[in-house]
């Protein structure tokens, strides 16, 4: 049942993600900026969109907005893609293959495939880019990967369907769809240091540019986005949206939050 729901969501999300990318590309003309360090912006002129049903990654040119469909073959049911802070690698989670494909963005080819936990979903990088984190929904774990060695170096337990990840400072925030809480992982010690109550259904998550607020898509019929204050680690506001929101994204200037509803 969950696989059928995911396929339905994927078909809707692909076109919506393309629109969102174009909006963000227009806001920051000609480039997508991935922050590597506090004062060092790495500019990537491409975006990578996973195609869940076909096992490929589509590449979007952010300069001319052209799309190369099916350019890169990866594993089965690719779910999420993230660019490393130094811009030298793209990590793609393959949900049905229980693996991560590592892509060289210069050649747009897979340079390595790593086995992780069951049902890998979200992926994110530590602030310094030395580690990548993968949320494994079905095994209830977080795989930690050394980006210099491209090897899994640790696994920690995150129960109740860990789904999406976002980084703020040295903390990693993990949504857990079947829990009432979001887990906070310190990426220096790689331990869970806190839990934030949001209620059941937390799915997609994003952070504002100032790293002061999180926006969590609560995937239920009534449809809402929980706003989390990163000082108090508590919900500061609830914004009603359409039914079953699955993803949020904050504009580069922090003035808008875009929400995808399935």
C-alpha atoms as a PDB file:
ATOM      1  CA  UNK A   1       0.000   0.000   0.000  1.00  0.00           C
ATOM      2  CA  UNK A   2       2.818   2.379   0.902  1.00  0.00           C
ATOM      3  CA  UNK A   3       4.614   1.632  -2.406  1.00  0.00           C
ATOM      4  CA  UNK A   4       1.476   2.472  -4.416  1.00  0.00           C
ATOM      5  CA  UNK A   5       1.044   5.700  -2.483  1.00  0.00           C
ATOM      6  CA  UNK A   6       4.706   6.597  -3.072  1.00  0.00           C
ATOM      7  CA  UNK A   7       4.384   6.029  -6.818  1.00  0.00           C
ATOM      8  CA  UNK A   8       1.305   8.256  -6.955  1.00  0.00           C
ATOM      9  CA  UNK A   9       3.070  10.969  -4.984  1.00  0.00           C
ATOM     10  CA  UNK A  10       6.161  10.699  -7.191  1.00  0.00           C
ATOM     11  CA  UNK A  11       4.212  11.265 -10.405  1.00  0.00           C
ATOM     12  CA  UNK A  12       2.781  14.483  -8.989  1.00  0.00           C
ATOM     13  CA  UNK A  13       5.996  15.629  -7.345  1.00  0.00           C
ATOM     14  CA  UNK A  14       8.167  15.444 -10.455  1.00  0.00           C
ATOM     15  CA  UNK A  15       6.359  18.227 -12.334  1.00  0.00           C
ATOM     16  CA  UNK A  16       5.903  20.256  -9.155  1.00  0.00           C
ATOM     17  CA  UNK A  17       9.613  19.975  -8.334  1.00  0.00           C
ATOM     18  CA  UNK A  18      10.547  21.208 -11.804  1.00  0.00           C
ATOM     19  CA  UNK A  19       8.307  24.245 -11.302  1.00  0.00           C
ATOM     20  CA  UNK A  20       9.809  24.882  -7.860  1.00  0.00           C
ATOM     21  CA  UNK A  21      13.349  24.637  -9.222  1.00  0.00           C
ATOM     22  CA  UNK A  22      12.529  27.137 -11.954  1.00  0.00           C
ATOM     23  CA  UNK A  23      11.095  29.534  -9.369  1.00  0.00           C
ATOM     24  CA  UNK A  24      14.222  29.277  -7.230  1.00  0.00           C
ATOM     25  CA  UNK A  25      16.480  29.596 -10.251  1.00  0.00           C
ATOM     26  CA  UNK A  26      14.715  32.790 -11.261  1.00  0.00           C
ATOM     27  CA  UNK A  27      15.065  34.147  -7.731  1.00  0.00           C
ATOM     28  CA  UNK A  28      18.819  33.502  -7.968  1.00  0.00           C
ATOM     29  CA  UNK A  29      19.396  33.986 -11.730  1.00  0.00           C
ATOM     30  CA  UNK A  30      21.516  31.405 -13.500  1.00  0.00           C
ATOM     31  CA  UNK A  31      22.678  29.409 -10.488  1.00  0.00           C
ATOM     32  CA  UNK A  32      21.764  27.227  -7.543  1.00  0.00           C
ATOM     33  CA  UNK A  33      23.966  28.067  -4.571  1.00  0.00           C
ATOM     34  CA  UNK A  34      24.984  25.320  -2.182  1.00  0.00           C
ATOM     35  CA  UNK A  35      26.566  26.751   0.949  1.00  0.00           C
ATOM     36  CA  UNK A  36      29.856  25.013   1.701  1.00  0.00           C
ATOM     37  CA  UNK A  37      31.205  27.167   4.512  1.00  0.00           C
ATOM     38  CA  UNK A  38      30.127  30.291   6.320  1.00  0.00           C
ATOM     39  CA  UNK A  39      31.788  32.586   3.760  1.00  0.00           C
ATOM     40  CA  UNK A  40      32.198  30.296   0.752  1.00  0.00           C
ATOM     41  CA  UNK A  41      29.414  29.658  -1.745  1.00  0.00           C
ATOM     42  CA  UNK A  42      29.790  26.828  -4.236  1.00  0.00           C
ATOM     43  CA  UNK A  43      27.740  27.488  -7.380  1.00  0.00           C
ATOM     44  CA  UNK A  44      26.139  24.553  -9.184  1.00  0.00           C
ATOM     45  CA  UNK A  45      24.374  25.262 -12.464  1.00  0.00           C
ATOM     46  CA  UNK A  46      22.465  21.969 -12.523  1.00  0.00           C
ATOM     47  CA  UNK A  47      19.720  20.318 -10.512  1.00  0.00           C
ATOM     48  CA  UNK A  48      19.167  16.561 -10.178  1.00  0.00           C
ATOM     49  CA  UNK A  49      15.620  15.159 -10.155  1.00  0.00           C
ATOM     50  CA  UNK A  50      15.017  11.519  -9.286  1.00  0.00           C
ATOM     51  CA  UNK A  51      12.527   9.549 -11.372  1.00  0.00           C
ATOM     52  CA  UNK A  52      11.043   7.060  -8.919  1.00  0.00           C
ATOM     53  CA  UNK A  53       9.302   4.769 -11.418  1.00  0.00           C
ATOM     54  CA  UNK A  54      12.088   4.460 -13.988  1.00  0.00           C
ATOM     55  CA  UNK A  55      15.314   4.313 -11.949  1.00  0.00           C
ATOM     56  CA  UNK A  56      16.949   7.296 -13.572  1.00  0.00           C
ATOM     57  CA  UNK A  57      17.952  10.849 -12.669  1.00  0.00           C
ATOM     58  CA  UNK A  58      16.932  13.798 -14.836  1.00  0.00           C
ATOM     59  CA  UNK A  59      19.365  16.713 -15.061  1.00  0.00           C
ATOM     60  CA  UNK A  60      18.061  20.286 -15.209  1.00  0.00           C
ATOM     61  CA  UNK A  61      20.271  23.031 -16.636  1.00  0.00           C
ATOM     62  CA  UNK A  62      19.558  26.061 -14.451  1.00  0.00           C
ATOM     63  CA  UNK A  63      20.980  28.494 -17.001  1.00  0.00           C
ATOM     64  CA  UNK A  64      18.675  27.701 -19.907  1.00  0.00           C
ATOM     65  CA  UNK A  65      16.084  25.626 -17.982  1.00  0.00           C
ATOM     66  CA  UNK A  66      16.493  22.649 -20.309  1.00  0.00           C
ATOM     67  CA  UNK A  67      15.907  19.120 -18.976  1.00  0.00           C
ATOM     68  CA  UNK A  68      17.873  16.002 -19.923  1.00  0.00           C
ATOM     69  CA  UNK A  69      15.417  13.260 -19.021  1.00  0.00           C
ATOM     70  CA  UNK A  70      16.791   9.895 -17.965  1.00  0.00           C
ATOM     71  CA  UNK A  71      20.404  11.034 -18.284  1.00  0.00           C
ATOM     72  CA  UNK A  72      21.801   8.970 -15.380  1.00  0.00           C
ATOM     73  CA  UNK A  73      20.836   5.394 -14.516  1.00  0.00           C
ATOM     74  CA  UNK A  74      20.891   4.657 -10.779  1.00  0.00           C
ATOM     75  CA  UNK A  75      19.193   2.036  -8.575  1.00  0.00           C
ATOM     76  CA  UNK A  76      15.562   1.026  -8.234  1.00  0.00           C
ATOM     77  CA  UNK A  77      13.085   3.686  -7.096  1.00  0.00           C
ATOM     78  CA  UNK A  78      15.500   6.606  -6.637  1.00  0.00           C
ATOM     79  CA  UNK A  79      13.944   8.912  -4.076  1.00  0.00           C
ATOM     80  CA  UNK A  80      16.102  11.879  -3.087  1.00  0.00           C
ATOM     81  CA  UNK A  81      19.196  13.659  -4.402  1.00  0.00           C
ATOM     82  CA  UNK A  82      21.564  16.020  -2.598  1.00  0.00           C
ATOM     83  CA  UNK A  83      24.675  17.884  -3.751  1.00  0.00           C
ATOM     84  CA  UNK A  84      27.692  17.849  -1.446  1.00  0.00           C
ATOM     85  CA  UNK A  85      28.753  21.221   0.005  1.00  0.00           C
ATOM     86  CA  UNK A  86      31.917  21.292  -2.133  1.00  0.00           C
ATOM     87  CA  UNK A  87      29.890  20.563  -5.273  1.00  0.00           C
ATOM     88  CA  UNK A  88      31.948  17.485  -6.138  1.00  0.00           C
ATOM     89  CA  UNK A  89      29.350  14.755  -5.643  1.00  0.00           C
ATOM     90  CA  UNK A  90      25.620  14.083  -5.860  1.00  0.00           C
ATOM     91  CA  UNK A  91      24.194  11.426  -3.543  1.00  0.00           C
ATOM     92  CA  UNK A  92      20.998   9.649  -4.660  1.00  0.00           C
ATOM     93  CA  UNK A  93      19.009   7.307  -2.406  1.00  0.00           C
ATOM     94  CA  UNK A  94      17.574   4.219  -4.135  1.00  0.00           C
ATOM     95  CA  UNK A  95      14.636   3.062  -2.077  1.00  0.00           C
ATOM     96  CA  UNK A  96      14.026  -0.412  -3.553  1.00  0.00           C
ATOM     97  CA  UNK A  97      17.736  -1.189  -3.988  1.00  0.00           C
ATOM     98  CA  UNK A  98      18.632  -0.202  -0.403  1.00  0.00           C
ATOM     99  CA  UNK A  99      21.560   1.757  -1.783  1.00  0.00           C
ATOM    100  CA  UNK A 100      23.033   5.175  -2.488  1.00  0.00           C
ATOM    101  CA  UNK A 101      24.400   6.110  -5.916  1.00  0.00           C
ATOM    102  CA  UNK A 102      27.237   8.647  -5.921  1.00  0.00           C
ATOM    103  CA  UNK A 103      27.349  10.808  -9.051  1.00  0.00           C
ATOM    104  CA  UNK A 104      30.206  12.948 -10.370  1.00  0.00           C
ATOM    105  CA  UNK A 105      28.466  16.220 -11.402  1.00  0.00           C
ATOM    106  CA  UNK A 106      31.215  17.014 -13.921  1.00  0.00           C
ATOM    107  CA  UNK A 107      30.648  13.869 -15.990  1.00  0.00           C
ATOM    108  CA  UNK A 108      27.129  13.070 -14.712  1.00  0.00           C
ATOM    109  CA  UNK A 109      28.102   9.426 -14.206  1.00  0.00           C
ATOM    110  CA  UNK A 110      27.778   7.087 -11.208  1.00  0.00           C
ATOM    111  CA  UNK A 111      31.205   6.593  -9.636  1.00  0.00           C
ATOM    112  CA  UNK A 112      30.150   4.352  -6.761  1.00  0.00           C
ATOM    113  CA  UNK A 113      27.136   2.586  -5.252  1.00  0.00           C
ATOM    114  CA  UNK A 114      26.903   1.957  -1.507  1.00  0.00           C
ATOM    115  CA  UNK A 115      24.649  -0.447   0.396  1.00  0.00           C
ATOM    116  CA  UNK A 116      22.760   1.242   3.242  1.00  0.00           C
ATOM    117  CA  UNK A 117      19.673   0.341   5.311  1.00  0.00           C
ATOM    118  CA  UNK A 118      16.215  -0.697   4.118  1.00  0.00           C
ATOM    119  CA  UNK A 119      14.176   1.909   2.241  1.00  0.00           C
ATOM    120  CA  UNK A 120      16.615   4.850   2.081  1.00  0.00           C
ATOM    121  CA  UNK A 121      14.732   8.116   1.715  1.00  0.00           C
ATOM    122  CA  UNK A 122      16.264  11.485   2.652  1.00  0.00           C
ATOM    123  CA  UNK A 123      19.947  12.399   2.389  1.00  0.00           C
ATOM    124  CA  UNK A 124      21.895  15.377   3.755  1.00  0.00           C
ATOM    125  CA  UNK A 125      25.482  16.459   4.390  1.00  0.00           C
ATOM    126  CA  UNK A 126      27.245  17.758   7.484  1.00  0.00           C
ATOM    127  CA  UNK A 127      28.166  21.436   7.396  1.00  0.00           C
ATOM    128  CA  UNK A 128      31.812  20.723   6.529  1.00  0.00           C
ATOM    129  CA  UNK A 129      30.811  18.104   3.969  1.00  0.00           C
ATOM    130  CA  UNK A 130      32.864  15.334   5.601  1.00  0.00           C
ATOM    131  CA  UNK A 131      29.835  13.120   6.235  1.00  0.00           C
ATOM    132  CA  UNK A 132      26.587  12.255   4.499  1.00  0.00           C
ATOM    133  CA  UNK A 133      23.512  11.009   6.365  1.00  0.00           C
ATOM    134  CA  UNK A 134      20.838   8.730   4.895  1.00  0.00           C
ATOM    135  CA  UNK A 135      17.434   8.095   6.517  1.00  0.00           C
ATOM    136  CA  UNK A 136      16.409   4.433   6.123  1.00  0.00           C
ATOM    137  CA  UNK A 137      12.623   4.351   6.539  1.00  0.00           C
ATOM    138  CA  UNK A 138      12.033   0.605   6.715  1.00  0.00           C
ATOM    139  CA  UNK A 139      14.955  -0.366   8.947  1.00  0.00           C
ATOM    140  CA  UNK A 140      14.564   2.648  11.265  1.00  0.00           C
ATOM    141  CA  UNK A 141      18.202   3.687  11.016  1.00  0.00           C
ATOM    142  CA  UNK A 142      20.473   6.479   9.897  1.00  0.00           C
ATOM    143  CA  UNK A 143      23.473   5.500   7.764  1.00  0.00           C
ATOM    144  CA  UNK A 144      26.531   7.752   8.126  1.00  0.00           C
ATOM    145  CA  UNK A 145      28.892   7.915   5.156  1.00  0.00           C
ATOM    146  CA  UNK A 146      32.446   9.262   4.950  1.00  0.00           C
ATOM    147  CA  UNK A 147      32.463  11.459   1.842  1.00  0.00           C
ATOM    148  CA  UNK A 148      36.243  11.235   1.457  1.00  0.00           C
ATOM    149  CA  UNK A 149      36.196   7.427   1.428  1.00  0.00           C
ATOM    150  CA  UNK A 150      32.653   6.968   0.057  1.00  0.00           C
ATOM    151  CA  UNK A 151      32.056   4.289   2.686  1.00  0.00           C
ATOM    152  CA  UNK A 152      29.448   3.744   5.422  1.00  0.00           C
ATOM    153  CA  UNK A 153      31.243   4.361   8.712  1.00  0.00           C
ATOM    154  CA  UNK A 154      28.416   4.179  11.247  1.00  0.00           C
ATOM    155  CA  UNK A 155      24.721   3.395  11.708  1.00  0.00           C
ATOM    156  CA  UNK A 156      22.474   4.773  14.444  1.00  0.00           C
ATOM    157  CA  UNK A 157      18.890   3.886  15.383  1.00  0.00           C
ATOM    158  CA  UNK A 158      16.129   6.335  14.476  1.00  0.00           C
ATOM    159  CA  UNK A 159      12.798   4.488  14.909  1.00  0.00           C
ATOM    160  CA  UNK A 160       9.346   5.070  13.399  1.00  0.00           C
ATOM    161  CA  UNK A 161      10.124   5.635   9.699  1.00  0.00           C
ATOM    162  CA  UNK A 162      12.869   8.290   9.503  1.00  0.00           C
ATOM    163  CA  UNK A 163      12.090  10.172   6.320  1.00  0.00           C
ATOM    164  CA  UNK A 164      13.511  13.614   5.557  1.00  0.00           C
ATOM    165  CA  UNK A 165      16.635  15.398   6.783  1.00  0.00           C
ATOM    166  CA  UNK A 166      17.814  18.974   7.105  1.00  0.00           C
ATOM    167  CA  UNK A 167      20.953  20.506   8.602  1.00  0.00           C
ATOM    168  CA  UNK A 168      21.221  23.609  10.797  1.00  0.00           C
ATOM    169  CA  UNK A 169      24.647  24.256  12.301  1.00  0.00           C
ATOM    170  CA  UNK A 170      26.027  21.020  13.731  1.00  0.00           C
ATOM    171  CA  UNK A 171      22.591  19.485  14.167  1.00  0.00           C
ATOM    172  CA  UNK A 172      20.693  17.186  11.829  1.00  0.00           C
ATOM    173  CA  UNK A 173      16.886  17.237  12.081  1.00  0.00           C
ATOM    174  CA  UNK A 174      15.110  14.003  11.130  1.00  0.00           C
ATOM    175  CA  UNK A 175      11.366  13.670  10.508  1.00  0.00           C
ATOM    176  CA  UNK A 176       9.770  10.383  11.611  1.00  0.00           C
ATOM    177  CA  UNK A 177       6.437   9.824   9.919  1.00  0.00           C
ATOM    178  CA  UNK A 178       5.029   7.379  12.472  1.00  0.00           C
ATOM    179  CA  UNK A 179       6.250   9.207  15.565  1.00  0.00           C
ATOM    180  CA  UNK A 180       5.019  12.356  17.256  1.00  0.00           C
ATOM    181  CA  UNK A 181       8.581  13.683  17.438  1.00  0.00           C
ATOM    182  CA  UNK A 182      11.444  14.867  15.251  1.00  0.00           C
ATOM    183  CA  UNK A 183      14.887  13.592  16.225  1.00  0.00           C
ATOM    184  CA  UNK A 184      17.831  15.964  16.636  1.00  0.00           C
ATOM    185  CA  UNK A 185      21.216  14.384  15.879  1.00  0.00           C
ATOM    186  CA  UNK A 186      24.465  16.117  16.784  1.00  0.00           C
ATOM    187  CA  UNK A 187      26.761  15.524  13.808  1.00  0.00           C
ATOM    188  CA  UNK A 188      29.971  15.899  15.798  1.00  0.00           C
ATOM    189  CA  UNK A 189      29.161  13.062  18.208  1.00  0.00           C
ATOM    190  CA  UNK A 190      26.641  11.333  15.880  1.00  0.00           C
ATOM    191  CA  UNK A 191      24.206  10.858  18.734  1.00  0.00           C
ATOM    192  CA  UNK A 192      20.563  11.802  19.256  1.00  0.00           C
ATOM    193  CA  UNK A 193      20.569  14.805  21.616  1.00  0.00           C
ATOM    194  CA  UNK A 194      16.935  15.915  21.591  1.00  0.00           C
ATOM    195  CA  UNK A 195      13.378  15.170  20.406  1.00  0.00           C
ATOM    196  CA  UNK A 196      10.945  17.859  19.263  1.00  0.00           C
ATOM    197  CA  UNK A 197       7.210  17.213  19.613  1.00  0.00           C
ATOM    198  CA  UNK A 198       5.222  17.945  16.425  1.00  0.00           C
ATOM    199  CA  UNK A 199       2.501  15.285  16.326  1.00  0.00           C
ATOM    200  CA  UNK A 200       2.156  12.281  14.006  1.00  0.00           C
ATOM    201  CA  UNK A 201       2.761  12.669  10.282  1.00  0.00           C
ATOM    202  CA  UNK A 202       5.976  14.700   9.976  1.00  0.00           C
ATOM    203  CA  UNK A 203       7.314  14.143   6.452  1.00  0.00           C
ATOM    204  CA  UNK A 204       9.165  16.830   4.459  1.00  0.00           C
ATOM    205  CA  UNK A 205      11.343  19.429   6.186  1.00  0.00           C
ATOM    206  CA  UNK A 206      13.314  22.549   5.295  1.00  0.00           C
ATOM    207  CA  UNK A 207      15.193  25.339   7.085  1.00  0.00           C
ATOM    208  CA  UNK A 208      15.221  29.076   6.455  1.00  0.00           C
ATOM    209  CA  UNK A 209      18.474  30.746   5.283  1.00  0.00           C
ATOM    210  CA  UNK A 210      19.030  32.307   8.730  1.00  0.00           C
ATOM    211  CA  UNK A 211      18.909  28.811  10.281  1.00  0.00           C
ATOM    212  CA  UNK A 212      16.380  29.963  12.878  1.00  0.00           C
ATOM    213  CA  UNK A 213      13.235  28.095  11.781  1.00  0.00           C
ATOM    214  CA  UNK A 214      12.230  24.707  10.413  1.00  0.00           C
ATOM    215  CA  UNK A 215       9.167  24.141   8.241  1.00  0.00           C
ATOM    216  CA  UNK A 216       7.731  20.626   8.579  1.00  0.00           C
ATOM    217  CA  UNK A 217       5.111  19.214   6.205  1.00  0.00           C
ATOM    218  CA  UNK A 218       2.594  17.268   8.294  1.00  0.00           C
ATOM    219  CA  UNK A 219       1.267  14.580   5.955  1.00  0.00           C
ATOM    220  CA  UNK A 220      -2.359  14.163   6.934  1.00  0.00           C
ATOM    221  CA  UNK A 221      -5.759  14.979   5.456  1.00  0.00           C
ATOM    222  CA  UNK A 222      -6.250  18.265   7.290  1.00  0.00           C
ATOM    223  CA  UNK A 223      -2.912  19.485   5.905  1.00  0.00           C
ATOM    224  CA  UNK A 224      -0.552  21.721   7.863  1.00  0.00           C
ATOM    225  CA  UNK A 225       3.019  22.957   8.148  1.00  0.00           C
ATOM    226  CA  UNK A 226       4.568  23.136  11.609  1.00  0.00           C
ATOM    227  CA  UNK A 227       7.045  25.961  12.200  1.00  0.00           C
ATOM    228  CA  UNK A 228       9.781  25.027  14.673  1.00  0.00           C
ATOM    229  CA  UNK A 229      11.839  27.614  16.528  1.00  0.00           C
ATOM    230  CA  UNK A 230      15.447  26.422  16.590  1.00  0.00           C
ATOM    231  CA  UNK A 231      16.283  28.261  19.807  1.00  0.00           C
ATOM    232  CA  UNK A 232      13.552  26.687  21.929  1.00  0.00           C
ATOM    233  CA  UNK A 233      13.208  23.478  19.866  1.00  0.00           C
ATOM    234  CA  UNK A 234       9.439  23.828  19.955  1.00  0.00           C
ATOM    235  CA  UNK A 235       6.583  24.476  17.537  1.00  0.00           C
ATOM    236  CA  UNK A 236       6.022  28.224  17.309  1.00  0.00           C
ATOM    237  CA  UNK A 237       3.241  28.249  14.699  1.00  0.00           C
ATOM    238  CA  UNK A 238       1.012  25.991  12.612  1.00  0.00           C
ATOM    239  CA  UNK A 239       0.081  26.971   9.053  1.00  0.00           C
ATOM    240  CA  UNK A 240      -2.909  25.270   7.423  1.00  0.00           C
ATOM    241  CA  UNK A 241      -2.387  24.177   3.813  1.00  0.00           C
ATOM    242  CA  UNK A 242      -4.033  21.688   1.444  1.00  0.00           C
ATOM    243  CA  UNK A 243      -4.344  17.989   2.233  1.00  0.00           C
ATOM    244  CA  UNK A 244      -1.323  15.705   2.550  1.00  0.00           C
ATOM    245  CA  UNK A 245       1.635  18.082   2.225  1.00  0.00           C
ATOM    246  CA  UNK A 246       4.834  16.129   1.520  1.00  0.00           C
ATOM    247  CA  UNK A 247       7.598  18.696   1.063  1.00  0.00           C
ATOM    248  CA  UNK A 248       8.533  22.270   1.918  1.00  0.00           C
ATOM    249  CA  UNK A 249      11.213  24.576   0.545  1.00  0.00           C
ATOM    250  CA  UNK A 250      12.200  28.087   1.627  1.00  0.00           C
ATOM    251  CA  UNK A 251      13.073  30.711  -0.970  1.00  0.00           C
ATOM    252  CA  UNK A 252      16.721  31.927  -0.983  1.00  0.00           C
ATOM    253  CA  UNK A 253      15.758  35.237   0.639  1.00  0.00           C
ATOM    254  CA  UNK A 254      13.625  33.520   3.287  1.00  0.00           C
ATOM    255  CA  UNK A 255      10.490  35.471   2.397  1.00  0.00           C
ATOM    256  CA  UNK A 256       8.415  32.534   1.109  1.00  0.00           C
ATOM    257  CA  UNK A 257       7.884  28.866   1.867  1.00  0.00           C
ATOM    258  CA  UNK A 258       6.744  26.590  -0.958  1.00  0.00           C
ATOM    259  CA  UNK A 259       4.677  23.513  -0.084  1.00  0.00           C
ATOM    260  CA  UNK A 260       4.032  20.453  -2.245  1.00  0.00           C
ATOM    261  CA  UNK A 261       0.720  18.667  -1.618  1.00  0.00           C
ATOM    262  CA  UNK A 262       0.169  15.113  -2.809  1.00  0.00           C
END
